[in-house]
Amino acid sequence: MSTKSINEVEIWNGIINPDSQDMSALEANAVLRRCFNDEARSAMKALADRNGRGELSEAEREQLEA
């Protein structure tokens, strides 16, 4: 049996299931209201800035992509 590591995007994709047509407008609006907190935005910006300078490790690159 093979095991596959899944990332956060795949987890959310499984929860939200964007290919199904069964999400109500109320549910869709609730999803769209979700946003990153200041700490997460700051961390993403720092990773993006370092990526622009070519300074990311492989683990940090994977984190940025996720």
C-alpha atoms as a PDB file:
ATOM      1  CA  MET A   1       0.000   0.000   0.000  1.00  0.00           C
ATOM      2  CA  SER A   2       1.392   3.410  -0.919  1.00  0.00           C
ATOM      3  CA  THR A   3       0.949   6.466   1.218  1.00  0.00           C
ATOM      4  CA  LYS A   4       0.783  10.006  -0.102  1.00  0.00           C
ATOM      5  CA  SER A   5       1.517  13.105   1.876  1.00  0.00           C
ATOM      6  CA  ILE A   6      -1.177  15.688   1.272  1.00  0.00           C
ATOM      7  CA  ASN A   7      -0.754  19.413   1.668  1.00  0.00           C
ATOM      8  CA  GLU A   8      -3.043  22.074   3.044  1.00  0.00           C
ATOM      9  CA  VAL A   9      -4.400  22.995  -0.383  1.00  0.00           C
ATOM     10  CA  GLU A  10      -5.514  19.427  -1.010  1.00  0.00           C
ATOM     11  CA  ILE A  11      -7.144  19.278   2.423  1.00  0.00           C
ATOM     12  CA  TRP A  12      -9.121  22.495   1.810  1.00  0.00           C
ATOM     13  CA  ASN A  13      -9.975  21.314  -1.692  1.00  0.00           C
ATOM     14  CA  GLY A  14     -11.490  18.190  -0.166  1.00  0.00           C
ATOM     15  CA  ILE A  15     -13.477  20.221   2.358  1.00  0.00           C
ATOM     16  CA  ILE A  16     -14.731  22.918   0.001  1.00  0.00           C
ATOM     17  CA  ASN A  17     -14.994  20.629  -3.043  1.00  0.00           C
ATOM     18  CA  PRO A  18     -15.111  23.429  -5.637  1.00  0.00           C
ATOM     19  CA  ASP A  19     -16.079  21.078  -8.485  1.00  0.00           C
ATOM     20  CA  SER A  20     -19.396  20.204  -6.885  1.00  0.00           C
ATOM     21  CA  GLN A  21     -22.338  22.486  -7.456  1.00  0.00           C
ATOM     22  CA  ASP A  22     -23.856  21.964  -4.007  1.00  0.00           C
ATOM     23  CA  MET A  23     -22.490  24.988  -2.113  1.00  0.00           C
ATOM     24  CA  SER A  24     -25.179  27.483  -1.236  1.00  0.00           C
ATOM     25  CA  ALA A  25     -24.643  31.226  -1.648  1.00  0.00           C
ATOM     26  CA  LEU A  26     -24.547  31.532   2.149  1.00  0.00           C
ATOM     27  CA  GLU A  27     -21.799  28.901   2.397  1.00  0.00           C
ATOM     28  CA  ALA A  28     -19.825  30.450  -0.465  1.00  0.00           C
ATOM     29  CA  ASN A  29     -19.983  33.881   1.174  1.00  0.00           C
ATOM     30  CA  ALA A  30     -18.793  32.375   4.469  1.00  0.00           C
ATOM     31  CA  VAL A  31     -15.769  30.841   2.710  1.00  0.00           C
ATOM     32  CA  LEU A  32     -14.979  34.116   0.944  1.00  0.00           C
ATOM     33  CA  ARG A  33     -15.033  36.032   4.246  1.00  0.00           C
ATOM     34  CA  ARG A  34     -12.185  33.914   5.605  1.00  0.00           C
ATOM     35  CA  CYS A  35      -8.835  35.672   5.524  1.00  0.00           C
ATOM     36  CA  PHE A  36      -5.335  35.228   6.861  1.00  0.00           C
ATOM     37  CA  ASN A  37      -4.426  36.855  10.166  1.00  0.00           C
ATOM     38  CA  ASP A  38      -1.656  39.461  10.413  1.00  0.00           C
ATOM     39  CA  GLU A  39       0.927  36.898  11.528  1.00  0.00           C
ATOM     40  CA  ALA A  40       0.233  34.619   8.560  1.00  0.00           C
ATOM     41  CA  ARG A  41       0.283  37.538   6.083  1.00  0.00           C
ATOM     42  CA  SER A  42       3.595  38.728   7.528  1.00  0.00           C
ATOM     43  CA  ALA A  43       5.111  35.242   7.259  1.00  0.00           C
ATOM     44  CA  MET A  44       3.921  34.874   3.643  1.00  0.00           C
ATOM     45  CA  LYS A  45       5.335  38.286   2.742  1.00  0.00           C
ATOM     46  CA  ALA A  46       8.689  37.429   4.322  1.00  0.00           C
ATOM     47  CA  LEU A  47       8.835  34.156   2.381  1.00  0.00           C
ATOM     48  CA  ALA A  48       7.857  35.898  -0.857  1.00  0.00           C
ATOM     49  CA  ASP A  49      10.497  38.601  -0.329  1.00  0.00           C
ATOM     50  CA  ARG A  50      13.212  36.031   0.382  1.00  0.00           C
ATOM     51  CA  ASN A  51      12.069  33.987  -2.604  1.00  0.00           C
ATOM     52  CA  GLY A  52      12.478  37.063  -4.817  1.00  0.00           C
ATOM     53  CA  ARG A  53      16.080  37.260  -3.649  1.00  0.00           C
ATOM     54  CA  GLY A  54      16.639  33.512  -4.201  1.00  0.00           C
ATOM     55  CA  GLU A  55      17.236  32.870  -0.498  1.00  0.00           C
ATOM     56  CA  LEU A  56      14.696  30.123   0.280  1.00  0.00           C
ATOM     57  CA  SER A  57      15.541  26.613   1.393  1.00  0.00           C
ATOM     58  CA  GLU A  58      13.644  23.761  -0.247  1.00  0.00           C
ATOM     59  CA  ALA A  59      11.408  23.439   2.842  1.00  0.00           C
ATOM     60  CA  GLU A  60      10.632  27.171   2.772  1.00  0.00           C
ATOM     61  CA  ARG A  61       9.848  27.002  -0.954  1.00  0.00           C
ATOM     62  CA  GLU A  62       7.387  24.179  -0.302  1.00  0.00           C
ATOM     63  CA  GLN A  63       5.836  26.227   2.514  1.00  0.00           C
ATOM     64  CA  LEU A  64       5.473  29.237   0.218  1.00  0.00           C
ATOM     65  CA  GLU A  65       3.845  27.120  -2.492  1.00  0.00           C
ATOM     66  CA  ALA A  66       1.405  25.621   0.046  1.00  0.00           C
END
